Amino acid sequence: MELFGIALMTLALFVSFGFMVGVLFGFFGMGGSFLVTPALLVMGYPARVAVGSGMAFVFGTATIATLKHRDLSQVDYKLGGLMIVGTTSGIEVGSRVVYYLEELGLASGAIGVTYVVLLGAVGLFVTRNALVNDGGDDSGDSHHESDKEFDPDAIPPLAKRIQSYRIPPMMTVAGGIQVSLWLILAVAFATGLLSGFLGVGGGFVKMPAMVYLIGVPVPVAVGTDLFEIVFSGGFGAFTYGLNGGVDLSIVAPLLAGSALGARIGSAATGIVDEDDIKSYFGLMLVGGSIAVAFRQAGDYLGMDALNTVSFALILLSAFMVSGAVIYSTIRTMRAETRASAPSVD
């Protein structure tokens, strides 16, 4: 039995997957096409459709999640606007590279290898820094507003070093941080290039870049990243849509599931501890890297079983991390409730 040209089982899978990815997207400022694009590639969709549909999904989910982060005052519009300037040009360059590689028959392989390397490297870096508690902030206060001053000791050492290079013009961003305009534009262009090439919102690089290079608090980095992805994802979806790269029969059920998940994940950033956010983020990237590595090995060796394992790992990664986010949120809320309850003598 089919609905809108899709088997009901596949439709249910897309809706469920969309919910899990929506939680991750709202919580991390990424996770949309980072998981969706490889999954579509594993399912046999052409690279252009997988990337283009991933971008369309990113646009819809980012819009939903950004509205929730706006309610929590976790969006730095100035920083987001500057990121948009650099990202749009990077997306155009990245999408042209995909079209060129597709003509050569190399697109799927090149995208997969890049995923493996970047996801693994960024995931290990973020996980390591979360485990050693790089910021040294033990306050336990995980809620940050974009216009609120925060402890300078919470800024990662690498960000402090980069901020010391004062190349004018200097910009003041979240928490009173001053950073060079050229650094922001360079980060934006690089992540835009990845967005266009990999079909991702760029959040798996952009969010840690804002935290570790610029020094923005994690919840504000997530909210600002999502605000920027609304524009970059919309631009990317439009670019691919003009070339027949967006399949609405894929995007619609994914968005149906992510609508609720994105709001849950966004609300969780104001509750869960920052180090937990970083740990989950890093582990999710490492899991995604392993999954895509299995797919690449399956394509190279001609073993369909490895492609099946890859797809299962992608689903397992989304399920486990989104479940951990929801569990941590419930656990923290219960702990706060017990702490605020009056003691009975």
C-alpha atoms as a PDB file:
ATOM      1  CA  MET A   1       0.000   0.000   0.000  1.00  0.00           C
ATOM      2  CA  GLU A   2       1.279   3.450  -0.924  1.00  0.00           C
ATOM      3  CA  LEU A   3       0.511   7.061   0.006  1.00  0.00           C
ATOM      4  CA  PHE A   4       1.811   9.939  -2.119  1.00  0.00           C
ATOM      5  CA  GLY A   5       3.847   7.399  -4.064  1.00  0.00           C
ATOM      6  CA  ILE A   6       5.645   6.067  -0.942  1.00  0.00           C
ATOM      7  CA  ALA A   7       5.088   2.730   0.784  1.00  0.00           C
ATOM      8  CA  LEU A   8       3.389   3.186   4.163  1.00  0.00           C
ATOM      9  CA  MET A   9       6.280   1.490   5.961  1.00  0.00           C
ATOM     10  CA  THR A  10       8.752   3.894   4.350  1.00  0.00           C
ATOM     11  CA  LEU A  11       6.451   6.816   5.159  1.00  0.00           C
ATOM     12  CA  ALA A  12       6.303   5.798   8.833  1.00  0.00           C
ATOM     13  CA  LEU A  13      10.084   5.417   8.848  1.00  0.00           C
ATOM     14  CA  PHE A  14      10.530   8.928   7.457  1.00  0.00           C
ATOM     15  CA  VAL A  15       8.144  10.451  10.033  1.00  0.00           C
ATOM     16  CA  SER A  16       9.846   8.658  12.941  1.00  0.00           C
ATOM     17  CA  PHE A  17      13.289   9.504  11.647  1.00  0.00           C
ATOM     18  CA  GLY A  18      12.197  13.115  11.201  1.00  0.00           C
ATOM     19  CA  PHE A  19      11.119  13.292  14.855  1.00  0.00           C
ATOM     20  CA  MET A  20      14.460  11.957  16.110  1.00  0.00           C
ATOM     21  CA  VAL A  21      16.428  14.252  13.827  1.00  0.00           C
ATOM     22  CA  GLY A  22      14.210  17.187  14.847  1.00  0.00           C
ATOM     23  CA  VAL A  23      15.187  16.643  18.497  1.00  0.00           C
ATOM     24  CA  LEU A  24      18.853  16.632  17.504  1.00  0.00           C
ATOM     25  CA  PHE A  25      18.450  19.685  15.283  1.00  0.00           C
ATOM     26  CA  GLY A  26      16.782  21.758  17.979  1.00  0.00           C
ATOM     27  CA  PHE A  27      19.270  20.617  20.616  1.00  0.00           C
ATOM     28  CA  PHE A  28      22.530  20.918  18.657  1.00  0.00           C
ATOM     29  CA  GLY A  29      21.714  23.386  15.885  1.00  0.00           C
ATOM     30  CA  MET A  30      22.454  20.589  13.437  1.00  0.00           C
ATOM     31  CA  GLY A  31      21.738  16.940  12.814  1.00  0.00           C
ATOM     32  CA  GLY A  32      19.236  17.402   9.976  1.00  0.00           C
ATOM     33  CA  SER A  33      20.812  16.530   6.672  1.00  0.00           C
ATOM     34  CA  PHE A  34      23.976  15.374   8.480  1.00  0.00           C
ATOM     35  CA  LEU A  35      21.924  12.233   9.171  1.00  0.00           C
ATOM     36  CA  VAL A  36      19.279  12.512   6.428  1.00  0.00           C
ATOM     37  CA  THR A  37      21.618  12.872   3.430  1.00  0.00           C
ATOM     38  CA  PRO A  38      23.713   9.749   4.204  1.00  0.00           C
ATOM     39  CA  ALA A  39      20.512   7.809   4.942  1.00  0.00           C
ATOM     40  CA  LEU A  40      19.045   8.756   1.548  1.00  0.00           C
ATOM     41  CA  LEU A  41      22.302   7.814  -0.160  1.00  0.00           C
ATOM     42  CA  VAL A  42      22.229   4.428   1.564  1.00  0.00           C
ATOM     43  CA  MET A  43      18.597   3.962   0.418  1.00  0.00           C
ATOM     44  CA  GLY A  44      19.756   4.409  -3.177  1.00  0.00           C
ATOM     45  CA  TYR A  45      18.633   7.959  -3.971  1.00  0.00           C
ATOM     46  CA  PRO A  46      20.869   9.896  -6.417  1.00  0.00           C
ATOM     47  CA  ALA A  47      23.404  12.251  -4.816  1.00  0.00           C
ATOM     48  CA  ARG A  48      21.618  15.328  -6.183  1.00  0.00           C
ATOM     49  CA  VAL A  49      18.251  14.277  -4.706  1.00  0.00           C
ATOM     50  CA  ALA A  50      19.811  13.199  -1.377  1.00  0.00           C
ATOM     51  CA  VAL A  51      21.656  16.506  -0.984  1.00  0.00           C
ATOM     52  CA  GLY A  52      18.831  18.723  -2.271  1.00  0.00           C
ATOM     53  CA  SER A  53      16.136  17.033  -0.184  1.00  0.00           C
ATOM     54  CA  GLY A  54      18.436  17.238   2.828  1.00  0.00           C
ATOM     55  CA  MET A  55      18.774  20.984   2.332  1.00  0.00           C
ATOM     56  CA  ALA A  56      14.992  21.401   2.055  1.00  0.00           C
ATOM     57  CA  PHE A  57      14.541  19.431   5.276  1.00  0.00           C
ATOM     58  CA  VAL A  58      17.178  21.609   6.951  1.00  0.00           C
ATOM     59  CA  PHE A  59      15.282  24.764   5.976  1.00  0.00           C
ATOM     60  CA  GLY A  60      11.951  23.593   7.399  1.00  0.00           C
ATOM     61  CA  THR A  61      13.319  22.139  10.622  1.00  0.00           C
ATOM     62  CA  ALA A  62      15.623  25.102  11.287  1.00  0.00           C
ATOM     63  CA  THR A  63      12.683  27.492  10.988  1.00  0.00           C
ATOM     64  CA  ILE A  64      10.708  25.569  13.619  1.00  0.00           C
ATOM     65  CA  ALA A  65      13.669  25.285  16.010  1.00  0.00           C
ATOM     66  CA  THR A  66      14.737  28.927  15.615  1.00  0.00           C
ATOM     67  CA  LEU A  67      11.339  30.173  16.736  1.00  0.00           C
ATOM     68  CA  LYS A  68      11.717  28.206  19.974  1.00  0.00           C
ATOM     69  CA  HIS A  69      15.276  29.468  20.583  1.00  0.00           C
ATOM     70  CA  ARG A  70      14.050  33.013  19.962  1.00  0.00           C
ATOM     71  CA  ASP A  71      11.537  32.542  22.789  1.00  0.00           C
ATOM     72  CA  LEU A  72      14.485  31.519  25.026  1.00  0.00           C
ATOM     73  CA  SER A  73      16.545  34.616  23.999  1.00  0.00           C
ATOM     74  CA  GLN A  74      19.257  32.335  22.606  1.00  0.00           C
ATOM     75  CA  VAL A  75      19.753  33.982  19.206  1.00  0.00           C
ATOM     76  CA  ASP A  76      22.465  36.559  18.405  1.00  0.00           C
ATOM     77  CA  TYR A  77      21.019  38.239  15.318  1.00  0.00           C
ATOM     78  CA  LYS A  78      24.113  40.327  14.604  1.00  0.00           C
ATOM     79  CA  LEU A  79      26.403  37.301  14.533  1.00  0.00           C
ATOM     80  CA  GLY A  80      23.809  35.343  12.560  1.00  0.00           C
ATOM     81  CA  GLY A  81      23.556  38.104   9.963  1.00  0.00           C
ATOM     82  CA  LEU A  82      27.327  38.172   9.479  1.00  0.00           C
ATOM     83  CA  MET A  83      27.386  34.383   9.101  1.00  0.00           C
ATOM     84  CA  ILE A  84      24.709  34.589   6.406  1.00  0.00           C
ATOM     85  CA  VAL A  85      26.855  36.907   4.288  1.00  0.00           C
ATOM     86  CA  GLY A  86      29.738  34.452   4.121  1.00  0.00           C
ATOM     87  CA  THR A  87      27.642  31.281   3.982  1.00  0.00           C
ATOM     88  CA  THR A  88      25.557  32.055   0.887  1.00  0.00           C
ATOM     89  CA  SER A  89      28.607  32.473  -1.349  1.00  0.00           C
ATOM     90  CA  GLY A  90      30.129  29.291   0.065  1.00  0.00           C
ATOM     91  CA  ILE A  91      26.958  27.295  -0.689  1.00  0.00           C
ATOM     92  CA  GLU A  92      26.997  28.387  -4.332  1.00  0.00           C
ATOM     93  CA  VAL A  93      30.607  27.246  -4.729  1.00  0.00           C
ATOM     94  CA  GLY A  94      29.941  23.953  -2.929  1.00  0.00           C
ATOM     95  CA  SER A  95      26.856  23.084  -5.018  1.00  0.00           C
ATOM     96  CA  ARG A  96      28.769  23.708  -8.253  1.00  0.00           C
ATOM     97  CA  VAL A  97      31.460  21.300  -7.073  1.00  0.00           C
ATOM     98  CA  VAL A  98      28.774  18.619  -6.498  1.00  0.00           C
ATOM     99  CA  TYR A  99      27.373  19.085 -10.020  1.00  0.00           C
ATOM    100  CA  TYR A 100      30.844  18.818 -11.515  1.00  0.00           C
ATOM    101  CA  LEU A 101      31.701  15.668  -9.545  1.00  0.00           C
ATOM    102  CA  GLU A 102      28.308  14.184 -10.444  1.00  0.00           C
ATOM    103  CA  GLU A 103      29.141  14.545 -14.138  1.00  0.00           C
ATOM    104  CA  LEU A 104      32.359  12.623 -13.472  1.00  0.00           C
ATOM    105  CA  GLY A 105      30.499   9.960 -11.484  1.00  0.00           C
ATOM    106  CA  LEU A 106      32.462  10.784  -8.326  1.00  0.00           C
ATOM    107  CA  ALA A 107      29.905  12.733  -6.271  1.00  0.00           C
ATOM    108  CA  SER A 108      28.693   9.998  -3.905  1.00  0.00           C
ATOM    109  CA  GLY A 109      32.203   8.768  -3.112  1.00  0.00           C
ATOM    110  CA  ALA A 110      33.639  12.238  -2.558  1.00  0.00           C
ATOM    111  CA  ILE A 111      30.749  13.297  -0.317  1.00  0.00           C
ATOM    112  CA  GLY A 112      30.997  10.080   1.712  1.00  0.00           C
ATOM    113  CA  VAL A 113      34.763  10.317   2.281  1.00  0.00           C
ATOM    114  CA  THR A 114      34.471  13.975   3.314  1.00  0.00           C
ATOM    115  CA  TYR A 115      31.725  13.035   5.784  1.00  0.00           C
ATOM    116  CA  VAL A 116      33.866  10.330   7.368  1.00  0.00           C
ATOM    117  CA  VAL A 117      36.917  12.564   7.832  1.00  0.00           C
ATOM    118  CA  LEU A 118      35.108  15.684   9.050  1.00  0.00           C
ATOM    119  CA  LEU A 119      32.570  13.994  11.302  1.00  0.00           C
ATOM    120  CA  GLY A 120      35.207  11.819  12.948  1.00  0.00           C
ATOM    121  CA  ALA A 121      37.692  14.660  13.477  1.00  0.00           C
ATOM    122  CA  VAL A 122      35.164  17.196  14.813  1.00  0.00           C
ATOM    123  CA  GLY A 123      33.383  14.557  16.917  1.00  0.00           C
ATOM    124  CA  LEU A 124      36.584  13.396  18.632  1.00  0.00           C
ATOM    125  CA  PHE A 125      37.693  16.988  19.249  1.00  0.00           C
ATOM    126  CA  VAL A 126      34.400  18.084  20.808  1.00  0.00           C
ATOM    127  CA  THR A 127      34.067  14.904  22.914  1.00  0.00           C
ATOM    128  CA  ARG A 128      37.611  15.222  24.245  1.00  0.00           C
ATOM    129  CA  ASN A 129      37.110  18.869  25.211  1.00  0.00           C
ATOM    130  CA  ALA A 130      33.779  18.122  26.862  1.00  0.00           C
ATOM    131  CA  LEU A 131      35.280  15.329  28.950  1.00  0.00           C
ATOM    132  CA  VAL A 132      38.114  17.544  30.227  1.00  0.00           C
ATOM    133  CA  ASN A 133      35.634  20.413  30.811  1.00  0.00           C
ATOM    134  CA  ASP A 134      37.619  22.944  28.776  1.00  0.00           C
ATOM    135  CA  GLY A 135      35.671  25.932  29.962  1.00  0.00           C
ATOM    136  CA  GLY A 136      36.282  25.265  33.626  1.00  0.00           C
ATOM    137  CA  ASP A 137      32.818  26.503  34.463  1.00  0.00           C
ATOM    138  CA  ASP A 138      31.261  24.470  37.232  1.00  0.00           C
ATOM    139  CA  SER A 139      28.382  26.753  37.868  1.00  0.00           C
ATOM    140  CA  GLY A 140      25.902  24.269  36.421  1.00  0.00           C
ATOM    141  CA  ASP A 141      23.864  27.094  34.882  1.00  0.00           C
ATOM    142  CA  SER A 142      23.107  25.957  31.357  1.00  0.00           C
ATOM    143  CA  HIS A 143      20.768  28.771  30.325  1.00  0.00           C
ATOM    144  CA  HIS A 144      22.344  31.689  28.467  1.00  0.00           C
ATOM    145  CA  GLU A 145      20.753  34.678  26.816  1.00  0.00           C
ATOM    146  CA  SER A 146      22.331  36.356  23.794  1.00  0.00           C
ATOM    147  CA  ASP A 147      22.662  39.759  25.484  1.00  0.00           C
ATOM    148  CA  LYS A 148      23.832  38.456  28.867  1.00  0.00           C
ATOM    149  CA  GLU A 149      27.436  38.885  30.087  1.00  0.00           C
ATOM    150  CA  PHE A 150      29.082  35.662  31.206  1.00  0.00           C
ATOM    151  CA  ASP A 151      32.221  34.530  32.982  1.00  0.00           C
ATOM    152  CA  PRO A 152      35.337  35.035  30.764  1.00  0.00           C
ATOM    153  CA  ASP A 153      36.793  31.874  32.322  1.00  0.00           C
ATOM    154  CA  ALA A 154      34.078  29.907  30.512  1.00  0.00           C
ATOM    155  CA  ILE A 155      35.585  30.855  27.129  1.00  0.00           C
ATOM    156  CA  PRO A 156      37.659  27.988  25.634  1.00  0.00           C
ATOM    157  CA  PRO A 157      41.441  28.697  25.546  1.00  0.00           C
ATOM    158  CA  LEU A 158      41.583  28.491  21.744  1.00  0.00           C
ATOM    159  CA  ALA A 159      38.864  31.147  21.440  1.00  0.00           C
ATOM    160  CA  LYS A 160      40.763  33.419  23.861  1.00  0.00           C
ATOM    161  CA  ARG A 161      43.901  33.087  21.743  1.00  0.00           C
ATOM    162  CA  ILE A 162      42.033  33.889  18.525  1.00  0.00           C
ATOM    163  CA  GLN A 163      40.300  36.866  20.150  1.00  0.00           C
ATOM    164  CA  SER A 164      43.745  38.247  21.006  1.00  0.00           C
ATOM    165  CA  TYR A 165      44.415  38.806  17.279  1.00  0.00           C
ATOM    166  CA  ARG A 166      42.580  42.074  16.858  1.00  0.00           C
ATOM    167  CA  ILE A 167      42.329  42.568  13.099  1.00  0.00           C
ATOM    168  CA  PRO A 168      39.956  45.502  12.461  1.00  0.00           C
ATOM    169  CA  PRO A 169      37.098  45.907  12.071  1.00  0.00           C
ATOM    170  CA  MET A 170      36.196  44.269  15.396  1.00  0.00           C
ATOM    171  CA  MET A 171      32.642  43.119  16.129  1.00  0.00           C
ATOM    172  CA  THR A 172      30.931  42.704  19.509  1.00  0.00           C
ATOM    173  CA  VAL A 173      28.846  39.527  19.670  1.00  0.00           C
ATOM    174  CA  ALA A 174      27.078  37.454  22.342  1.00  0.00           C
ATOM    175  CA  GLY A 175      28.144  38.143  25.924  1.00  0.00           C
ATOM    176  CA  GLY A 176      30.200  41.215  25.008  1.00  0.00           C
ATOM    177  CA  ILE A 177      32.825  39.180  23.088  1.00  0.00           C
ATOM    178  CA  GLN A 178      34.909  41.130  20.580  1.00  0.00           C
ATOM    179  CA  VAL A 179      36.166  39.254  17.521  1.00  0.00           C
ATOM    180  CA  SER A 180      37.443  40.212  14.070  1.00  0.00           C
ATOM    181  CA  LEU A 181      34.852  40.533  11.314  1.00  0.00           C
ATOM    182  CA  TRP A 182      37.209  38.665   8.973  1.00  0.00           C
ATOM    183  CA  LEU A 183      37.283  35.616  11.248  1.00  0.00           C
ATOM    184  CA  ILE A 184      33.487  35.440  11.304  1.00  0.00           C
ATOM    185  CA  LEU A 185      33.293  35.722   7.507  1.00  0.00           C
ATOM    186  CA  ALA A 186      36.001  33.068   7.047  1.00  0.00           C
ATOM    187  CA  VAL A 187      34.142  30.610   9.308  1.00  0.00           C
ATOM    188  CA  ALA A 188      30.891  31.394   7.478  1.00  0.00           C
ATOM    189  CA  PHE A 189      32.354  30.836   3.999  1.00  0.00           C
ATOM    190  CA  ALA A 190      33.996  27.550   5.014  1.00  0.00           C
ATOM    191  CA  THR A 191      30.801  26.189   6.536  1.00  0.00           C
ATOM    192  CA  GLY A 192      28.781  27.441   3.558  1.00  0.00           C
ATOM    193  CA  LEU A 193      31.127  25.530   1.265  1.00  0.00           C
ATOM    194  CA  LEU A 194      30.432  22.398   3.311  1.00  0.00           C
ATOM    195  CA  SER A 195      26.696  23.098   3.222  1.00  0.00           C
ATOM    196  CA  GLY A 196      26.630  23.221  -0.548  1.00  0.00           C
ATOM    197  CA  PHE A 197      28.958  20.259  -0.983  1.00  0.00           C
ATOM    198  CA  LEU A 198      27.568  17.896   1.653  1.00  0.00           C
ATOM    199  CA  GLY A 199      23.943  18.995   1.689  1.00  0.00           C
ATOM    200  CA  VAL A 200      24.137  19.949   5.365  1.00  0.00           C
ATOM    201  CA  GLY A 201      23.294  23.101   7.255  1.00  0.00           C
ATOM    202  CA  GLY A 202      26.964  23.214   8.253  1.00  0.00           C
ATOM    203  CA  GLY A 203      26.036  23.044  11.935  1.00  0.00           C
ATOM    204  CA  PHE A 204      28.333  20.133  12.766  1.00  0.00           C
ATOM    205  CA  VAL A 205      31.248  22.477  11.990  1.00  0.00           C
ATOM    206  CA  LYS A 206      29.621  25.861  12.569  1.00  0.00           C
ATOM    207  CA  MET A 207      28.338  25.262  16.095  1.00  0.00           C
ATOM    208  CA  PRO A 208      31.714  24.067  17.479  1.00  0.00           C
ATOM    209  CA  ALA A 209      33.430  26.829  15.469  1.00  0.00           C
ATOM    210  CA  MET A 210      31.332  29.484  17.225  1.00  0.00           C
ATOM    211  CA  VAL A 211      32.041  27.867  20.599  1.00  0.00           C
ATOM    212  CA  TYR A 212      35.755  27.041  20.241  1.00  0.00           C
ATOM    213  CA  LEU A 213      36.904  29.756  17.805  1.00  0.00           C
ATOM    214  CA  ILE A 214      34.660  32.709  18.665  1.00  0.00           C
ATOM    215  CA  GLY A 215      33.820  31.821  22.289  1.00  0.00           C
ATOM    216  CA  VAL A 216      30.019  31.998  22.114  1.00  0.00           C
ATOM    217  CA  PRO A 217      28.102  30.103  24.895  1.00  0.00           C
ATOM    218  CA  VAL A 218      26.790  26.755  23.660  1.00  0.00           C
ATOM    219  CA  PRO A 219      23.008  27.472  23.826  1.00  0.00           C
ATOM    220  CA  VAL A 220      23.482  30.828  22.052  1.00  0.00           C
ATOM    221  CA  ALA A 221      25.722  29.171  19.447  1.00  0.00           C
ATOM    222  CA  VAL A 222      22.958  26.623  18.805  1.00  0.00           C
ATOM    223  CA  GLY A 223      20.228  29.254  18.471  1.00  0.00           C
ATOM    224  CA  THR A 224      22.328  31.559  16.286  1.00  0.00           C
ATOM    225  CA  ASP A 225      23.416  28.647  14.119  1.00  0.00           C
ATOM    226  CA  LEU A 226      19.787  27.685  13.544  1.00  0.00           C
ATOM    227  CA  PHE A 227      18.850  31.287  12.693  1.00  0.00           C
ATOM    228  CA  GLU A 228      21.571  31.342  10.038  1.00  0.00           C
ATOM    229  CA  ILE A 229      20.629  27.884   8.736  1.00  0.00           C
ATOM    230  CA  VAL A 230      17.097  29.128   8.008  1.00  0.00           C
ATOM    231  CA  PHE A 231      18.614  31.340   5.315  1.00  0.00           C
ATOM    232  CA  SER A 232      21.424  29.075   4.117  1.00  0.00           C
ATOM    233  CA  GLY A 233      19.119  26.038   4.072  1.00  0.00           C
ATOM    234  CA  GLY A 234      16.461  27.967   2.175  1.00  0.00           C
ATOM    235  CA  PHE A 235      19.017  29.215  -0.347  1.00  0.00           C
ATOM    236  CA  GLY A 236      20.480  25.745  -0.778  1.00  0.00           C
ATOM    237  CA  ALA A 237      17.056  24.124  -1.198  1.00  0.00           C
ATOM    238  CA  PHE A 238      16.148  26.760  -3.796  1.00  0.00           C
ATOM    239  CA  THR A 239      19.412  26.159  -5.690  1.00  0.00           C
ATOM    240  CA  TYR A 240      18.933  22.397  -5.781  1.00  0.00           C
ATOM    241  CA  GLY A 241      15.198  22.719  -6.449  1.00  0.00           C
ATOM    242  CA  LEU A 242      15.885  24.620  -9.663  1.00  0.00           C
ATOM    243  CA  ASN A 243      17.885  21.601 -10.829  1.00  0.00           C
ATOM    244  CA  GLY A 244      15.334  18.980  -9.791  1.00  0.00           C
ATOM    245  CA  GLY A 245      17.209  17.985  -6.653  1.00  0.00           C
ATOM    246  CA  VAL A 246      14.340  18.305  -4.120  1.00  0.00           C
ATOM    247  CA  ASP A 247      11.864  15.421  -3.722  1.00  0.00           C
ATOM    248  CA  LEU A 248       8.869  16.699  -1.739  1.00  0.00           C
ATOM    249  CA  SER A 249       7.615  13.136  -1.160  1.00  0.00           C
ATOM    250  CA  ILE A 250      10.734  12.683   0.998  1.00  0.00           C
ATOM    251  CA  VAL A 251      10.823  16.124   2.619  1.00  0.00           C
ATOM    252  CA  ALA A 252       7.146  16.305   3.677  1.00  0.00           C
ATOM    253  CA  PRO A 253       7.035  13.219   5.964  1.00  0.00           C
ATOM    254  CA  LEU A 254      10.425  14.109   7.448  1.00  0.00           C
ATOM    255  CA  LEU A 255       9.147  17.583   8.343  1.00  0.00           C
ATOM    256  CA  ALA A 256       5.919  16.124   9.757  1.00  0.00           C
ATOM    257  CA  GLY A 257       8.005  14.255  12.324  1.00  0.00           C
ATOM    258  CA  SER A 258      10.549  16.996  12.999  1.00  0.00           C
ATOM    259  CA  ALA A 259       7.949  19.674  13.769  1.00  0.00           C
ATOM    260  CA  LEU A 260       7.482  18.310  17.304  1.00  0.00           C
ATOM    261  CA  GLY A 261      11.015  17.007  17.780  1.00  0.00           C
ATOM    262  CA  ALA A 262      12.643  20.358  16.965  1.00  0.00           C
ATOM    263  CA  ARG A 263      10.661  22.188  19.634  1.00  0.00           C
ATOM    264  CA  ILE A 264      11.479  19.552  22.248  1.00  0.00           C
ATOM    265  CA  GLY A 265      15.188  19.678  21.423  1.00  0.00           C
ATOM    266  CA  SER A 266      15.249  23.497  21.436  1.00  0.00           C
ATOM    267  CA  ALA A 267      13.629  23.684  24.863  1.00  0.00           C
ATOM    268  CA  ALA A 268      16.149  21.153  26.206  1.00  0.00           C
ATOM    269  CA  THR A 269      19.127  23.475  25.582  1.00  0.00           C
ATOM    270  CA  GLY A 270      17.927  25.723  28.402  1.00  0.00           C
ATOM    271  CA  ILE A 271      17.792  22.777  30.811  1.00  0.00           C
ATOM    272  CA  VAL A 272      20.640  20.330  30.088  1.00  0.00           C
ATOM    273  CA  ASP A 273      24.206  21.090  31.244  1.00  0.00           C
ATOM    274  CA  GLU A 274      26.567  22.501  28.565  1.00  0.00           C
ATOM    275  CA  ASP A 275      29.142  19.734  28.959  1.00  0.00           C
ATOM    276  CA  ASP A 276      26.416  17.152  28.402  1.00  0.00           C
ATOM    277  CA  ILE A 277      25.425  18.982  25.219  1.00  0.00           C
ATOM    278  CA  LYS A 278      29.022  18.854  23.977  1.00  0.00           C
ATOM    279  CA  SER A 279      29.422  15.187  24.895  1.00  0.00           C
ATOM    280  CA  TYR A 280      26.247  14.102  23.106  1.00  0.00           C
ATOM    281  CA  PHE A 281      27.181  16.252  20.115  1.00  0.00           C
ATOM    282  CA  GLY A 282      30.648  14.723  19.800  1.00  0.00           C
ATOM    283  CA  LEU A 283      29.436  11.154  20.223  1.00  0.00           C
ATOM    284  CA  MET A 284      26.759  11.678  17.582  1.00  0.00           C
ATOM    285  CA  LEU A 285      29.339  12.902  15.080  1.00  0.00           C
ATOM    286  CA  VAL A 286      31.627   9.941  15.759  1.00  0.00           C
ATOM    287  CA  GLY A 287      28.697   7.559  15.292  1.00  0.00           C
ATOM    288  CA  GLY A 288      27.790   9.218  12.007  1.00  0.00           C
ATOM    289  CA  SER A 289      31.394   8.968  10.829  1.00  0.00           C
ATOM    290  CA  ILE A 290      31.473   5.224  11.515  1.00  0.00           C
ATOM    291  CA  ALA A 291      28.148   4.714   9.722  1.00  0.00           C
ATOM    292  CA  VAL A 292      29.268   6.525   6.575  1.00  0.00           C
ATOM    293  CA  ALA A 293      32.601   4.650   6.676  1.00  0.00           C
ATOM    294  CA  PHE A 294      30.681   1.360   6.520  1.00  0.00           C
ATOM    295  CA  ARG A 295      28.747   2.621   3.517  1.00  0.00           C
ATOM    296  CA  GLN A 296      31.913   3.680   1.718  1.00  0.00           C
ATOM    297  CA  ALA A 297      33.486   0.285   2.405  1.00  0.00           C
ATOM    298  CA  GLY A 298      30.331  -1.432   1.140  1.00  0.00           C
ATOM    299  CA  ASP A 299      30.409   0.550  -2.116  1.00  0.00           C
ATOM    300  CA  TYR A 300      34.115  -0.106  -2.619  1.00  0.00           C
ATOM    301  CA  LEU A 301      33.917  -3.839  -1.859  1.00  0.00           C
ATOM    302  CA  GLY A 302      30.533  -4.347  -3.508  1.00  0.00           C
ATOM    303  CA  MET A 303      29.010  -5.698  -0.276  1.00  0.00           C
ATOM    304  CA  ASP A 304      25.380  -4.643   0.162  1.00  0.00           C
ATOM    305  CA  ALA A 305      25.412  -5.997   3.712  1.00  0.00           C
ATOM    306  CA  LEU A 306      27.768  -3.198   4.791  1.00  0.00           C
ATOM    307  CA  ASN A 307      25.370  -0.620   3.313  1.00  0.00           C
ATOM    308  CA  THR A 308      22.595  -2.134   5.415  1.00  0.00           C
ATOM    309  CA  VAL A 309      24.815  -1.963   8.520  1.00  0.00           C
ATOM    310  CA  SER A 310      25.572   1.687   7.711  1.00  0.00           C
ATOM    311  CA  PHE A 311      21.892   2.579   7.495  1.00  0.00           C
ATOM    312  CA  ALA A 312      21.174   0.750  10.756  1.00  0.00           C
ATOM    313  CA  LEU A 313      24.003   2.637  12.493  1.00  0.00           C
ATOM    314  CA  ILE A 314      22.623   5.969  11.281  1.00  0.00           C
ATOM    315  CA  LEU A 315      19.191   5.143  12.684  1.00  0.00           C
ATOM    316  CA  LEU A 316      20.713   3.805  15.912  1.00  0.00           C
ATOM    317  CA  SER A 317      22.821   6.954  16.320  1.00  0.00           C
ATOM    318  CA  ALA A 318      19.799   9.229  15.916  1.00  0.00           C
ATOM    319  CA  PHE A 319      17.669   7.109  18.251  1.00  0.00           C
ATOM    320  CA  MET A 320      20.251   6.798  21.030  1.00  0.00           C
ATOM    321  CA  VAL A 321      21.361  10.427  21.094  1.00  0.00           C
ATOM    322  CA  SER A 322      17.854  11.888  20.789  1.00  0.00           C
ATOM    323  CA  GLY A 323      16.765   9.492  23.539  1.00  0.00           C
ATOM    324  CA  ALA A 324      19.684  10.617  25.716  1.00  0.00           C
ATOM    325  CA  VAL A 325      18.690  14.257  25.181  1.00  0.00           C
ATOM    326  CA  ILE A 326      15.103  13.595  26.253  1.00  0.00           C
ATOM    327  CA  TYR A 327      16.254  11.485  29.231  1.00  0.00           C
ATOM    328  CA  SER A 328      18.732  14.159  30.406  1.00  0.00           C
ATOM    329  CA  THR A 329      16.046  16.814  30.128  1.00  0.00           C
ATOM    330  CA  ILE A 330      13.558  14.831  32.200  1.00  0.00           C
ATOM    331  CA  ARG A 331      16.242  13.926  34.770  1.00  0.00           C
ATOM    332  CA  THR A 332      17.349  17.558  35.157  1.00  0.00           C
ATOM    333  CA  MET A 333      13.773  18.805  35.490  1.00  0.00           C
ATOM    334  CA  ARG A 334      13.063  16.222  38.197  1.00  0.00           C
ATOM    335  CA  ALA A 335      16.246  17.159  40.062  1.00  0.00           C
ATOM    336  CA  GLU A 336      15.308  20.846  39.954  1.00  0.00           C
ATOM    337  CA  THR A 337      11.806  20.026  41.160  1.00  0.00           C
ATOM    338  CA  ARG A 338      13.144  18.046  44.121  1.00  0.00           C
ATOM    339  CA  ALA A 339      15.617  20.809  44.957  1.00  0.00           C
ATOM    340  CA  SER A 340      12.932  23.478  44.975  1.00  0.00           C
ATOM    341  CA  ALA A 341      10.428  21.401  46.952  1.00  0.00           C
ATOM    342  CA  PRO A 342      10.119  22.483  50.606  1.00  0.00           C
ATOM    343  CA  SER A 343      11.699  20.055  53.038  1.00  0.00           C
ATOM    344  CA  VAL A 344       9.425  18.259  55.535  1.00  0.00           C
ATOM    345  CA  ASP A 345      10.805  18.037  59.092  1.00  0.00           C
END
